[in-house]
Amino acid sequence: GFGDIFENLFGHRRESQTRTATRGQDLQYTMEISFEDAARGVTAPISITRSDPCPECAGYGQRPSSRRQTCPECGGSGQRQGGMGFFGLGQACTRCEGMGTITGEPCARCHGRGVMPTTERISVKIPPGVDPCSKIRVAGKGEAGRNGAPAGDLYILTKVRPHPVYERKGDNLYIDVPTTVTEAALGASIEVQTLDGPVIMKIPPATQ
């Protein structure tokens, strides 16, 4: 409608200013854990490589003492005109990302990128009873945001190694225990090994 058209015409500047601060991308890390750790839960250290804001320019990509300059592409308006009938719809300038100004001298430490790669070792807590292929969110440990925006999140994708004895179905564990014909016919008490140690199980008489 006309409201959207006039918003594009006169409100493009405000919208483009907000878009310049971009939240960092999320990261994904596949973590393989044992069957026992998936059942009981575990806290394990991992190493991730991600980007952090440059400590020299605080993520803005320019020297702190450098002054911003008027964007030569849009003349400082922050927009590029695109035709639509007799209305000219404003689109954010791709060079200055709608700011109307461009950075002056780039930061010498990050070469104008605003971010720097870093390897960090963090502890990840896997809750008890986690399902295979579950996603566990670690807030703020993704890629760095741009122009002061917050960092993305890290998602841990769990991969559970199979167990040679137990089989998991939902929240239950299944195990095959051999018995003799006499124990099945007359009944008996046998020892069954669980994840928490052995227990005594009573087999009723005439068990099939």
N, C-alpha and C. Protein backbone atom coordinates (compact mmCIF):
# COMPACT_ATOMS: atom_id res chain seq x y z
N GLY A 1 0.82 -1.20 0.00
CA GLY A 1 0.00 0.00 0.00
C GLY A 1 0.85 1.24 0.00
N PHE A 2 0.16 2.41 0.01
CA PHE A 2 0.88 3.68 -0.04
C PHE A 2 1.71 3.90 1.22
N GLY A 3 1.24 3.32 2.34
CA GLY A 3 2.02 3.45 3.58
C GLY A 3 3.39 2.84 3.45
N ASP A 4 3.47 1.67 2.82
CA ASP A 4 4.77 1.02 2.62
C ASP A 4 5.64 1.82 1.66
N ILE A 5 5.02 2.38 0.62
CA ILE A 5 5.79 3.15 -0.35
C ILE A 5 6.40 4.38 0.30
N PHE A 6 5.58 5.13 1.09
CA PHE A 6 6.11 6.33 1.72
C PHE A 6 7.10 5.99 2.82
N GLU A 7 6.92 4.83 3.44
CA GLU A 7 7.92 4.39 4.43
C GLU A 7 9.26 4.15 3.76
N ASN A 8 9.22 3.57 2.55
CA ASN A 8 10.45 3.38 1.79
C ASN A 8 11.06 4.70 1.37
N LEU A 9 10.20 5.66 1.02
CA LEU A 9 10.70 6.94 0.53
C LEU A 9 11.35 7.75 1.64
N PHE A 10 10.67 7.82 2.80
CA PHE A 10 11.11 8.75 3.83
C PHE A 10 11.66 8.07 5.07
N GLY A 11 11.41 6.77 5.22
CA GLY A 11 11.89 6.10 6.43
C GLY A 11 13.07 5.21 6.21
N HIS A 12 13.65 5.25 4.97
CA HIS A 12 14.76 4.35 4.66
C HIS A 12 15.98 4.62 5.53
N ARG A 13 16.17 5.87 5.90
CA ARG A 13 17.38 6.22 6.64
C ARG A 13 17.38 5.54 8.01
N ARG A 14 16.23 5.63 8.70
CA ARG A 14 16.13 5.04 10.03
C ARG A 14 16.31 3.53 9.97
N GLU A 15 15.68 2.90 8.96
CA GLU A 15 15.76 1.45 8.83
C GLU A 15 17.18 1.01 8.53
N SER A 16 17.88 1.71 7.63
CA SER A 16 19.22 1.31 7.25
C SER A 16 20.20 1.48 8.40
N GLN A 17 19.96 2.50 9.25
CA GLN A 17 20.84 2.69 10.39
C GLN A 17 20.77 1.49 11.32
N THR A 18 19.57 0.89 11.46
CA THR A 18 19.43 -0.25 12.36
C THR A 18 20.07 -1.49 11.79
N ARG A 19 20.05 -1.62 10.46
CA ARG A 19 20.57 -2.83 9.84
C ARG A 19 22.08 -2.92 9.92
N THR A 20 22.76 -1.81 10.18
CA THR A 20 24.22 -1.85 10.15
C THR A 20 24.79 -2.67 11.30
N ALA A 21 24.12 -2.69 12.44
CA ALA A 21 24.58 -3.53 13.55
C ALA A 21 24.01 -4.93 13.33
N THR A 22 24.86 -5.85 12.91
CA THR A 22 24.40 -7.19 12.53
C THR A 22 24.85 -8.21 13.55
N ARG A 23 23.90 -8.99 14.04
CA ARG A 23 24.23 -10.05 14.99
C ARG A 23 25.12 -11.10 14.34
N GLY A 24 26.03 -11.65 15.11
CA GLY A 24 26.95 -12.65 14.58
C GLY A 24 26.26 -13.95 14.22
N GLN A 25 26.87 -14.70 13.32
CA GLN A 25 26.30 -15.97 12.88
C GLN A 25 26.45 -17.04 13.97
N ASP A 26 25.50 -17.98 13.97
CA ASP A 26 25.56 -19.11 14.88
C ASP A 26 26.56 -20.14 14.36
N LEU A 27 27.17 -20.87 15.28
CA LEU A 27 28.10 -21.94 14.94
C LEU A 27 27.54 -23.27 15.40
N GLN A 28 27.97 -24.35 14.77
CA GLN A 28 27.55 -25.70 15.15
C GLN A 28 28.78 -26.58 15.34
N TYR A 29 28.75 -27.37 16.41
CA TYR A 29 29.87 -28.25 16.75
C TYR A 29 29.31 -29.63 17.06
N THR A 30 29.83 -30.65 16.38
CA THR A 30 29.37 -32.03 16.63
C THR A 30 30.26 -32.65 17.70
N MET A 31 29.61 -33.13 18.76
CA MET A 31 30.34 -33.70 19.91
C MET A 31 29.90 -35.14 20.10
N GLU A 32 30.87 -36.05 20.03
CA GLU A 32 30.57 -37.48 20.22
C GLU A 32 30.79 -37.84 21.68
N ILE A 33 29.79 -38.49 22.28
CA ILE A 33 29.89 -38.89 23.68
C ILE A 33 29.55 -40.37 23.80
N SER A 34 29.95 -40.95 24.91
CA SER A 34 29.69 -42.36 25.14
C SER A 34 28.23 -42.59 25.56
N PHE A 35 27.81 -43.84 25.50
CA PHE A 35 26.46 -44.22 25.90
C PHE A 35 26.23 -43.88 27.37
N GLU A 36 27.25 -44.15 28.21
CA GLU A 36 27.13 -43.88 29.65
C GLU A 36 27.04 -42.37 29.92
N ASP A 37 27.83 -41.57 29.21
CA ASP A 37 27.77 -40.12 29.41
C ASP A 37 26.43 -39.54 28.97
N ALA A 38 25.84 -40.11 27.92
CA ALA A 38 24.52 -39.65 27.48
C ALA A 38 23.46 -39.96 28.54
N ALA A 39 23.62 -41.08 29.24
CA ALA A 39 22.64 -41.46 30.27
C ALA A 39 22.82 -40.64 31.55
N ARG A 40 24.06 -40.44 31.96
CA ARG A 40 24.31 -39.79 33.25
C ARG A 40 24.55 -38.28 33.14
N GLY A 41 24.91 -37.83 31.95
CA GLY A 41 25.29 -36.43 31.79
C GLY A 41 26.79 -36.28 31.98
N VAL A 42 27.36 -35.25 31.37
CA VAL A 42 28.80 -35.05 31.45
C VAL A 42 29.12 -33.59 31.17
N THR A 43 30.20 -33.10 31.76
CA THR A 43 30.75 -31.79 31.43
C THR A 43 32.11 -32.02 30.79
N ALA A 44 32.25 -31.61 29.54
CA ALA A 44 33.46 -31.92 28.78
C ALA A 44 34.02 -30.65 28.14
N PRO A 45 35.34 -30.51 28.06
CA PRO A 45 35.95 -29.35 27.40
C PRO A 45 36.04 -29.57 25.89
N ILE A 46 35.81 -28.50 25.12
CA ILE A 46 35.98 -28.54 23.67
C ILE A 46 36.73 -27.27 23.25
N SER A 47 37.35 -27.32 22.08
CA SER A 47 38.03 -26.16 21.51
C SER A 47 37.27 -25.71 20.27
N ILE A 48 36.94 -24.44 20.20
CA ILE A 48 36.23 -23.90 19.04
C ILE A 48 37.03 -22.73 18.47
N THR A 49 36.96 -22.58 17.17
CA THR A 49 37.58 -21.45 16.48
C THR A 49 36.48 -20.55 15.96
N ARG A 50 36.48 -19.31 16.38
CA ARG A 50 35.45 -18.36 15.98
C ARG A 50 36.07 -16.97 15.88
N SER A 51 35.27 -15.99 15.56
CA SER A 51 35.77 -14.61 15.45
C SER A 51 35.33 -13.81 16.67
N ASP A 52 36.22 -12.95 17.12
CA ASP A 52 35.95 -12.02 18.21
C ASP A 52 36.12 -10.59 17.71
N PRO A 53 35.42 -9.62 18.32
CA PRO A 53 35.65 -8.23 17.92
C PRO A 53 37.11 -7.84 18.12
N CYS A 54 37.62 -7.11 17.18
CA CYS A 54 39.02 -6.66 17.26
C CYS A 54 39.19 -5.77 18.50
N PRO A 55 40.15 -6.09 19.37
CA PRO A 55 40.32 -5.27 20.58
C PRO A 55 40.83 -3.86 20.29
N GLU A 56 41.40 -3.66 19.13
CA GLU A 56 41.94 -2.34 18.80
C GLU A 56 40.84 -1.36 18.38
N CYS A 57 39.91 -1.84 17.54
CA CYS A 57 38.87 -0.94 17.00
C CYS A 57 37.48 -1.28 17.53
N ALA A 58 37.40 -2.24 18.47
CA ALA A 58 36.12 -2.63 19.08
C ALA A 58 35.12 -3.15 18.05
N GLY A 59 35.63 -3.71 16.95
CA GLY A 59 34.76 -4.33 15.96
C GLY A 59 34.25 -3.41 14.88
N TYR A 60 34.71 -2.15 14.84
CA TYR A 60 34.20 -1.21 13.84
C TYR A 60 35.06 -1.15 12.59
N GLY A 61 36.26 -1.72 12.61
CA GLY A 61 37.07 -1.83 11.41
C GLY A 61 37.89 -0.60 11.05
N GLN A 62 37.84 0.45 11.86
CA GLN A 62 38.63 1.64 11.56
C GLN A 62 39.41 2.06 12.80
N ARG A 63 40.48 2.82 12.55
CA ARG A 63 41.27 3.32 13.67
C ARG A 63 40.41 4.24 14.53
N PRO A 64 40.55 4.13 15.85
CA PRO A 64 39.72 4.98 16.73
C PRO A 64 39.90 6.47 16.43
N SER A 65 41.07 6.89 16.01
CA SER A 65 41.32 8.32 15.73
C SER A 65 40.94 8.72 14.32
N SER A 66 40.53 7.73 13.49
CA SER A 66 40.23 8.04 12.10
C SER A 66 38.81 8.57 11.97
N ARG A 67 38.62 9.62 11.17
CA ARG A 67 37.30 10.22 10.97
C ARG A 67 36.59 9.55 9.80
N ARG A 68 35.29 9.42 9.93
CA ARG A 68 34.48 8.86 8.85
C ARG A 68 34.31 9.90 7.74
N GLN A 69 34.14 9.40 6.50
CA GLN A 69 34.02 10.28 5.34
C GLN A 69 32.67 10.06 4.67
N THR A 70 32.21 11.08 3.97
CA THR A 70 30.96 10.96 3.23
C THR A 70 31.08 9.91 2.14
N CYS A 71 30.10 9.05 2.05
CA CYS A 71 30.13 7.97 1.06
C CYS A 71 30.02 8.57 -0.35
N PRO A 72 30.99 8.30 -1.24
CA PRO A 72 30.92 8.87 -2.59
C PRO A 72 29.87 8.20 -3.46
N GLU A 73 29.40 7.02 -3.06
CA GLU A 73 28.43 6.28 -3.88
C GLU A 73 27.04 6.90 -3.77
N CYS A 74 26.63 7.28 -2.57
CA CYS A 74 25.28 7.82 -2.37
C CYS A 74 25.29 9.29 -1.99
N GLY A 75 26.49 9.88 -1.86
CA GLY A 75 26.57 11.29 -1.51
C GLY A 75 26.16 11.59 -0.08
N GLY A 76 26.18 10.59 0.77
CA GLY A 76 25.84 10.79 2.18
C GLY A 76 24.38 10.55 2.51
N SER A 77 23.55 10.20 1.51
CA SER A 77 22.13 9.98 1.79
C SER A 77 21.86 8.59 2.39
N GLY A 78 22.79 7.67 2.19
CA GLY A 78 22.59 6.32 2.72
C GLY A 78 21.71 5.45 1.86
N GLN A 79 21.29 5.94 0.69
CA GLN A 79 20.38 5.17 -0.15
C GLN A 79 20.76 5.27 -1.62
N ARG A 80 20.30 4.30 -2.35
CA ARG A 80 20.40 4.34 -3.81
C ARG A 80 18.99 4.26 -4.35
N GLN A 81 18.70 5.08 -5.34
CA GLN A 81 17.34 5.15 -5.87
C GLN A 81 17.09 4.02 -6.87
N GLY A 82 15.90 3.42 -6.74
CA GLY A 82 15.47 2.43 -7.72
C GLY A 82 14.10 2.80 -8.24
N GLY A 83 13.87 2.70 -9.54
CA GLY A 83 12.63 3.17 -10.13
C GLY A 83 11.46 2.22 -9.90
N MET A 84 10.28 2.82 -9.64
CA MET A 84 9.03 2.06 -9.56
C MET A 84 7.91 3.03 -9.92
N GLY A 85 7.56 3.09 -11.21
CA GLY A 85 6.60 4.08 -11.67
C GLY A 85 7.24 5.46 -11.54
N PHE A 86 6.44 6.44 -11.07
CA PHE A 86 7.04 7.77 -10.90
C PHE A 86 7.60 7.94 -9.49
N PHE A 87 7.47 6.89 -8.66
CA PHE A 87 8.07 6.94 -7.33
C PHE A 87 9.49 6.39 -7.40
N GLY A 88 10.40 6.99 -6.71
CA GLY A 88 11.76 6.45 -6.60
C GLY A 88 11.93 5.82 -5.24
N LEU A 89 11.99 4.50 -5.18
CA LEU A 89 12.08 3.80 -3.90
C LEU A 89 13.52 3.75 -3.43
N GLY A 90 13.77 4.16 -2.18
CA GLY A 90 15.11 4.18 -1.64
C GLY A 90 15.56 2.80 -1.19
N GLN A 91 16.74 2.41 -1.58
CA GLN A 91 17.35 1.17 -1.13
C GLN A 91 18.66 1.51 -0.45
N ALA A 92 19.02 0.74 0.56
CA ALA A 92 20.24 1.03 1.30
C ALA A 92 21.45 0.93 0.38
N CYS A 93 22.32 1.90 0.48
CA CYS A 93 23.55 1.91 -0.32
C CYS A 93 24.42 0.72 0.09
N THR A 94 24.89 -0.03 -0.90
CA THR A 94 25.65 -1.24 -0.60
C THR A 94 27.06 -0.92 -0.10
N ARG A 95 27.59 0.23 -0.46
CA ARG A 95 28.97 0.55 -0.06
C ARG A 95 29.05 0.97 1.40
N CYS A 96 28.12 1.83 1.82
CA CYS A 96 28.16 2.30 3.21
C CYS A 96 27.14 1.60 4.09
N GLU A 97 26.37 0.64 3.51
CA GLU A 97 25.34 -0.12 4.23
C GLU A 97 24.30 0.79 4.86
N GLY A 98 23.97 1.90 4.15
CA GLY A 98 22.90 2.78 4.60
C GLY A 98 23.32 3.82 5.61
N MET A 99 24.61 3.85 6.00
CA MET A 99 25.06 4.81 7.01
C MET A 99 25.29 6.20 6.43
N GLY A 100 25.60 6.30 5.13
CA GLY A 100 25.90 7.58 4.52
C GLY A 100 27.35 7.99 4.65
N THR A 101 28.10 7.26 5.49
CA THR A 101 29.52 7.53 5.64
C THR A 101 30.29 6.23 5.55
N ILE A 102 31.54 6.33 5.19
CA ILE A 102 32.41 5.16 5.13
C ILE A 102 33.59 5.40 6.06
N THR A 103 34.22 4.31 6.44
CA THR A 103 35.33 4.42 7.37
C THR A 103 36.50 5.12 6.70
N GLY A 104 37.25 5.81 7.53
CA GLY A 104 38.42 6.48 7.01
C GLY A 104 39.58 5.50 6.89
N GLU A 105 40.53 5.58 7.79
CA GLU A 105 41.70 4.71 7.74
C GLU A 105 41.37 3.38 8.41
N PRO A 106 41.60 2.25 7.73
CA PRO A 106 41.24 0.96 8.33
C PRO A 106 42.13 0.63 9.52
N CYS A 107 41.59 -0.17 10.42
CA CYS A 107 42.33 -0.59 11.60
C CYS A 107 43.54 -1.42 11.17
N ALA A 108 44.69 -1.11 11.72
CA ALA A 108 45.92 -1.80 11.32
C ALA A 108 45.97 -3.23 11.85
N ARG A 109 45.26 -3.47 12.94
CA ARG A 109 45.35 -4.80 13.55
C ARG A 109 44.48 -5.83 12.83
N CYS A 110 43.25 -5.43 12.48
CA CYS A 110 42.34 -6.37 11.80
C CYS A 110 42.20 -6.07 10.32
N HIS A 111 42.92 -5.05 9.82
CA HIS A 111 42.89 -4.66 8.40
C HIS A 111 41.48 -4.29 7.92
N GLY A 112 40.72 -3.66 8.81
CA GLY A 112 39.39 -3.17 8.44
C GLY A 112 38.28 -4.19 8.56
N ARG A 113 38.59 -5.42 8.93
CA ARG A 113 37.53 -6.45 9.02
C ARG A 113 36.68 -6.29 10.28
N GLY A 114 37.24 -5.75 11.32
CA GLY A 114 36.51 -5.56 12.57
C GLY A 114 36.52 -6.78 13.48
N VAL A 115 36.94 -7.92 12.98
CA VAL A 115 36.98 -9.14 13.78
C VAL A 115 38.33 -9.83 13.59
N MET A 116 38.65 -10.70 14.56
CA MET A 116 39.89 -11.46 14.48
C MET A 116 39.61 -12.90 14.90
N PRO A 117 40.22 -13.89 14.21
CA PRO A 117 39.99 -15.29 14.59
C PRO A 117 40.62 -15.62 15.93
N THR A 118 39.94 -16.42 16.70
CA THR A 118 40.44 -16.83 18.00
C THR A 118 40.02 -18.27 18.28
N THR A 119 40.86 -19.00 18.98
CA THR A 119 40.54 -20.37 19.42
C THR A 119 40.32 -20.34 20.92
N GLU A 120 39.18 -20.84 21.33
CA GLU A 120 38.81 -20.79 22.75
C GLU A 120 38.45 -22.20 23.24
N ARG A 121 38.85 -22.50 24.44
CA ARG A 121 38.51 -23.78 25.07
C ARG A 121 37.43 -23.52 26.11
N ILE A 122 36.28 -24.15 25.91
CA ILE A 122 35.15 -23.95 26.82
C ILE A 122 34.66 -25.29 27.34
N SER A 123 33.95 -25.26 28.45
CA SER A 123 33.35 -26.47 29.03
C SER A 123 31.88 -26.53 28.65
N VAL A 124 31.47 -27.66 28.12
CA VAL A 124 30.08 -27.86 27.69
C VAL A 124 29.41 -28.86 28.61
N LYS A 125 28.25 -28.49 29.13
CA LYS A 125 27.51 -29.37 30.03
C LYS A 125 26.43 -30.12 29.25
N ILE A 126 26.56 -31.44 29.18
CA ILE A 126 25.56 -32.29 28.53
C ILE A 126 24.62 -32.83 29.60
N PRO A 127 23.32 -32.53 29.52
CA PRO A 127 22.40 -32.98 30.58
C PRO A 127 22.17 -34.48 30.52
N PRO A 128 21.79 -35.11 31.64
CA PRO A 128 21.50 -36.55 31.64
C PRO A 128 20.32 -36.89 30.73
N GLY A 129 20.40 -38.06 30.07
CA GLY A 129 19.31 -38.52 29.22
C GLY A 129 19.20 -37.80 27.90
N VAL A 130 20.29 -37.18 27.44
CA VAL A 130 20.23 -36.42 26.19
C VAL A 130 20.00 -37.38 25.02
N ASP A 131 19.19 -36.96 24.08
CA ASP A 131 18.89 -37.78 22.91
C ASP A 131 19.99 -37.64 21.87
N PRO A 132 20.19 -38.68 21.04
CA PRO A 132 21.13 -38.52 19.93
C PRO A 132 20.65 -37.41 18.98
N CYS A 133 21.59 -36.67 18.43
CA CYS A 133 21.32 -35.55 17.51
C CYS A 133 20.57 -34.41 18.19
N SER A 134 20.68 -34.31 19.53
CA SER A 134 20.10 -33.15 20.21
C SER A 134 20.98 -31.93 20.00
N LYS A 135 20.38 -30.74 20.10
CA LYS A 135 21.11 -29.49 19.98
C LYS A 135 21.12 -28.79 21.33
N ILE A 136 22.31 -28.51 21.82
CA ILE A 136 22.47 -27.81 23.09
C ILE A 136 23.04 -26.43 22.80
N ARG A 137 22.35 -25.41 23.27
CA ARG A 137 22.72 -24.02 22.96
C ARG A 137 23.67 -23.46 24.00
N VAL A 138 24.77 -22.89 23.52
CA VAL A 138 25.70 -22.15 24.37
C VAL A 138 25.66 -20.70 23.91
N ALA A 139 25.03 -19.84 24.70
CA ALA A 139 24.76 -18.46 24.28
C ALA A 139 26.05 -17.65 24.15
N GLY A 140 26.11 -16.84 23.08
CA GLY A 140 27.19 -15.88 22.92
C GLY A 140 28.53 -16.45 22.50
N LYS A 141 28.58 -17.73 22.11
CA LYS A 141 29.85 -18.33 21.72
C LYS A 141 29.92 -18.57 20.21
N GLY A 142 29.09 -17.86 19.44
CA GLY A 142 29.18 -17.93 17.99
C GLY A 142 30.09 -16.85 17.44
N GLU A 143 29.90 -16.53 16.15
CA GLU A 143 30.73 -15.51 15.52
C GLU A 143 30.42 -14.12 16.10
N ALA A 144 31.40 -13.25 16.06
CA ALA A 144 31.24 -11.90 16.60
C ALA A 144 30.25 -11.11 15.76
N GLY A 145 29.50 -10.22 16.42
CA GLY A 145 28.59 -9.32 15.72
C GLY A 145 29.34 -8.17 15.09
N ARG A 146 28.66 -7.45 14.22
CA ARG A 146 29.27 -6.30 13.53
C ARG A 146 28.77 -5.01 14.12
N ASN A 147 29.67 -4.04 14.25
CA ASN A 147 29.34 -2.69 14.71
C ASN A 147 28.63 -2.69 16.06
N GLY A 148 29.16 -3.47 16.99
CA GLY A 148 28.62 -3.47 18.35
C GLY A 148 27.47 -4.42 18.58
N ALA A 149 27.04 -5.17 17.57
CA ALA A 149 25.93 -6.11 17.74
C ALA A 149 26.41 -7.34 18.53
N PRO A 150 25.49 -8.05 19.19
CA PRO A 150 25.90 -9.22 19.98
C PRO A 150 26.39 -10.37 19.11
N ALA A 151 27.16 -11.25 19.71
CA ALA A 151 27.67 -12.44 19.01
C ALA A 151 26.55 -13.46 18.83
N GLY A 152 26.75 -14.37 17.89
CA GLY A 152 25.81 -15.47 17.70
C GLY A 152 25.96 -16.53 18.79
N ASP A 153 25.24 -17.62 18.64
CA ASP A 153 25.27 -18.70 19.62
C ASP A 153 25.99 -19.92 19.05
N LEU A 154 26.43 -20.78 19.94
CA LEU A 154 27.06 -22.04 19.57
C LEU A 154 26.07 -23.17 19.87
N TYR A 155 25.85 -24.05 18.90
CA TYR A 155 24.96 -25.19 19.09
C TYR A 155 25.78 -26.48 19.05
N ILE A 156 25.68 -27.25 20.14
CA ILE A 156 26.38 -28.53 20.25
C ILE A 156 25.44 -29.62 19.77
N LEU A 157 25.83 -30.32 18.70
CA LEU A 157 25.06 -31.44 18.17
C LEU A 157 25.63 -32.72 18.77
N THR A 158 24.84 -33.45 19.57
CA THR A 158 25.33 -34.63 20.26
C THR A 158 25.22 -35.88 19.37
N LYS A 159 26.28 -36.64 19.39
CA LYS A 159 26.33 -37.92 18.69
C LYS A 159 26.71 -38.98 19.70
N VAL A 160 25.82 -39.94 19.95
CA VAL A 160 26.01 -40.94 21.00
C VAL A 160 26.53 -42.24 20.38
N ARG A 161 27.65 -42.71 20.91
CA ARG A 161 28.20 -43.98 20.43
C ARG A 161 27.32 -45.14 20.90
N PRO A 162 27.07 -46.15 20.05
CA PRO A 162 26.25 -47.29 20.47
C PRO A 162 26.95 -48.12 21.54
N HIS A 163 26.14 -48.83 22.33
CA HIS A 163 26.67 -49.66 23.42
C HIS A 163 26.64 -51.12 22.99
N PRO A 164 27.65 -51.91 23.33
CA PRO A 164 27.66 -53.32 22.91
C PRO A 164 26.60 -54.18 23.60
N VAL A 165 26.04 -53.72 24.72
CA VAL A 165 25.10 -54.55 25.50
C VAL A 165 23.70 -53.95 25.52
N TYR A 166 23.61 -52.65 25.78
CA TYR A 166 22.31 -52.02 25.97
C TYR A 166 21.78 -51.42 24.66
N GLU A 167 20.46 -51.39 24.55
CA GLU A 167 19.78 -50.71 23.45
C GLU A 167 18.80 -49.72 24.05
N ARG A 168 18.81 -48.50 23.54
CA ARG A 168 17.94 -47.47 24.08
C ARG A 168 16.71 -47.31 23.20
N LYS A 169 15.54 -47.28 23.86
CA LYS A 169 14.27 -46.98 23.20
C LYS A 169 13.57 -45.93 24.04
N GLY A 170 13.62 -44.68 23.59
CA GLY A 170 13.07 -43.59 24.39
C GLY A 170 13.90 -43.40 25.64
N ASP A 171 13.24 -43.44 26.81
CA ASP A 171 13.95 -43.30 28.08
C ASP A 171 14.28 -44.64 28.71
N ASN A 172 13.99 -45.73 28.03
CA ASN A 172 14.21 -47.07 28.59
C ASN A 172 15.41 -47.74 27.95
N LEU A 173 16.05 -48.62 28.73
CA LEU A 173 17.16 -49.43 28.24
C LEU A 173 16.72 -50.89 28.17
N TYR A 174 17.18 -51.57 27.13
CA TYR A 174 16.87 -52.99 26.93
C TYR A 174 18.17 -53.79 26.90
N ILE A 175 18.11 -54.99 27.50
CA ILE A 175 19.27 -55.87 27.54
C ILE A 175 18.78 -57.31 27.43
N ASP A 176 19.51 -58.13 26.69
CA ASP A 176 19.21 -59.56 26.59
C ASP A 176 20.01 -60.31 27.66
N VAL A 177 19.28 -61.06 28.51
CA VAL A 177 19.91 -61.83 29.59
C VAL A 177 19.61 -63.31 29.37
N PRO A 178 20.61 -64.16 29.16
CA PRO A 178 20.36 -65.59 28.96
C PRO A 178 19.93 -66.28 30.25
N THR A 179 18.99 -67.19 30.15
CA THR A 179 18.55 -68.01 31.29
C THR A 179 18.49 -69.46 30.85
N THR A 180 18.53 -70.33 31.82
CA THR A 180 18.42 -71.76 31.52
C THR A 180 16.95 -72.17 31.44
N VAL A 181 16.71 -73.35 30.88
CA VAL A 181 15.33 -73.87 30.79
C VAL A 181 14.75 -74.08 32.18
N THR A 182 15.59 -74.57 33.11
CA THR A 182 15.12 -74.82 34.47
C THR A 182 14.72 -73.52 35.15
N GLU A 183 15.53 -72.43 34.97
CA GLU A 183 15.21 -71.14 35.59
C GLU A 183 13.90 -70.58 35.04
N ALA A 184 13.69 -70.75 33.72
CA ALA A 184 12.46 -70.24 33.13
C ALA A 184 11.26 -71.06 33.56
N ALA A 185 11.42 -72.37 33.72
CA ALA A 185 10.29 -73.22 34.06
C ALA A 185 9.92 -73.12 35.54
N LEU A 186 10.92 -73.15 36.41
CA LEU A 186 10.66 -73.19 37.85
C LEU A 186 10.73 -71.82 38.51
N GLY A 187 11.30 -70.85 37.82
CA GLY A 187 11.51 -69.53 38.43
C GLY A 187 12.87 -69.46 39.10
N ALA A 188 13.41 -68.25 39.20
CA ALA A 188 14.73 -68.09 39.82
C ALA A 188 14.99 -66.61 40.07
N SER A 189 16.03 -66.37 40.84
CA SER A 189 16.54 -65.00 41.03
C SER A 189 17.89 -64.92 40.35
N ILE A 190 18.02 -63.99 39.39
CA ILE A 190 19.26 -63.88 38.63
C ILE A 190 19.83 -62.47 38.76
N GLU A 191 21.10 -62.35 38.49
CA GLU A 191 21.77 -61.05 38.55
C GLU A 191 21.75 -60.39 37.18
N VAL A 192 21.31 -59.14 37.14
CA VAL A 192 21.26 -58.38 35.90
C VAL A 192 22.14 -57.14 36.06
N GLN A 193 23.01 -56.91 35.09
CA GLN A 193 23.92 -55.77 35.15
C GLN A 193 23.23 -54.54 34.56
N THR A 194 23.18 -53.44 35.34
CA THR A 194 22.63 -52.17 34.86
C THR A 194 23.76 -51.15 34.76
N LEU A 195 23.44 -49.95 34.26
CA LEU A 195 24.45 -48.90 34.18
C LEU A 195 24.93 -48.46 35.56
N ASP A 196 24.11 -48.68 36.59
CA ASP A 196 24.48 -48.29 37.95
C ASP A 196 24.97 -49.46 38.78
N GLY A 197 25.21 -50.61 38.15
CA GLY A 197 25.69 -51.76 38.89
C GLY A 197 24.71 -52.93 38.82
N PRO A 198 25.09 -54.08 39.39
CA PRO A 198 24.23 -55.27 39.31
C PRO A 198 23.02 -55.18 40.25
N VAL A 199 21.91 -55.75 39.79
CA VAL A 199 20.69 -55.87 40.61
C VAL A 199 20.18 -57.31 40.50
N ILE A 200 19.41 -57.73 41.48
CA ILE A 200 18.81 -59.05 41.48
C ILE A 200 17.39 -58.95 40.95
N MET A 201 17.10 -59.77 39.94
CA MET A 201 15.78 -59.76 39.30
C MET A 201 15.13 -61.14 39.49
N LYS A 202 13.87 -61.13 39.82
CA LYS A 202 13.15 -62.37 40.06
C LYS A 202 12.43 -62.80 38.79
N ILE A 203 12.69 -64.03 38.33
CA ILE A 203 11.99 -64.57 37.16
C ILE A 203 10.86 -65.46 37.68
N PRO A 204 9.61 -65.16 37.32
CA PRO A 204 8.49 -65.99 37.80
C PRO A 204 8.49 -67.36 37.13
N PRO A 205 7.91 -68.35 37.77
CA PRO A 205 7.82 -69.69 37.14
C PRO A 205 7.02 -69.64 35.83
N ALA A 206 7.31 -70.56 34.95
CA ALA A 206 6.63 -70.70 33.64
C ALA A 206 6.82 -69.47 32.76
N THR A 207 7.99 -68.85 32.86
CA THR A 207 8.30 -67.70 31.99
C THR A 207 8.59 -68.21 30.59
N GLN A 208 7.96 -67.59 29.57
CA GLN A 208 8.20 -68.00 28.18
C GLN A 208 9.55 -67.49 27.72
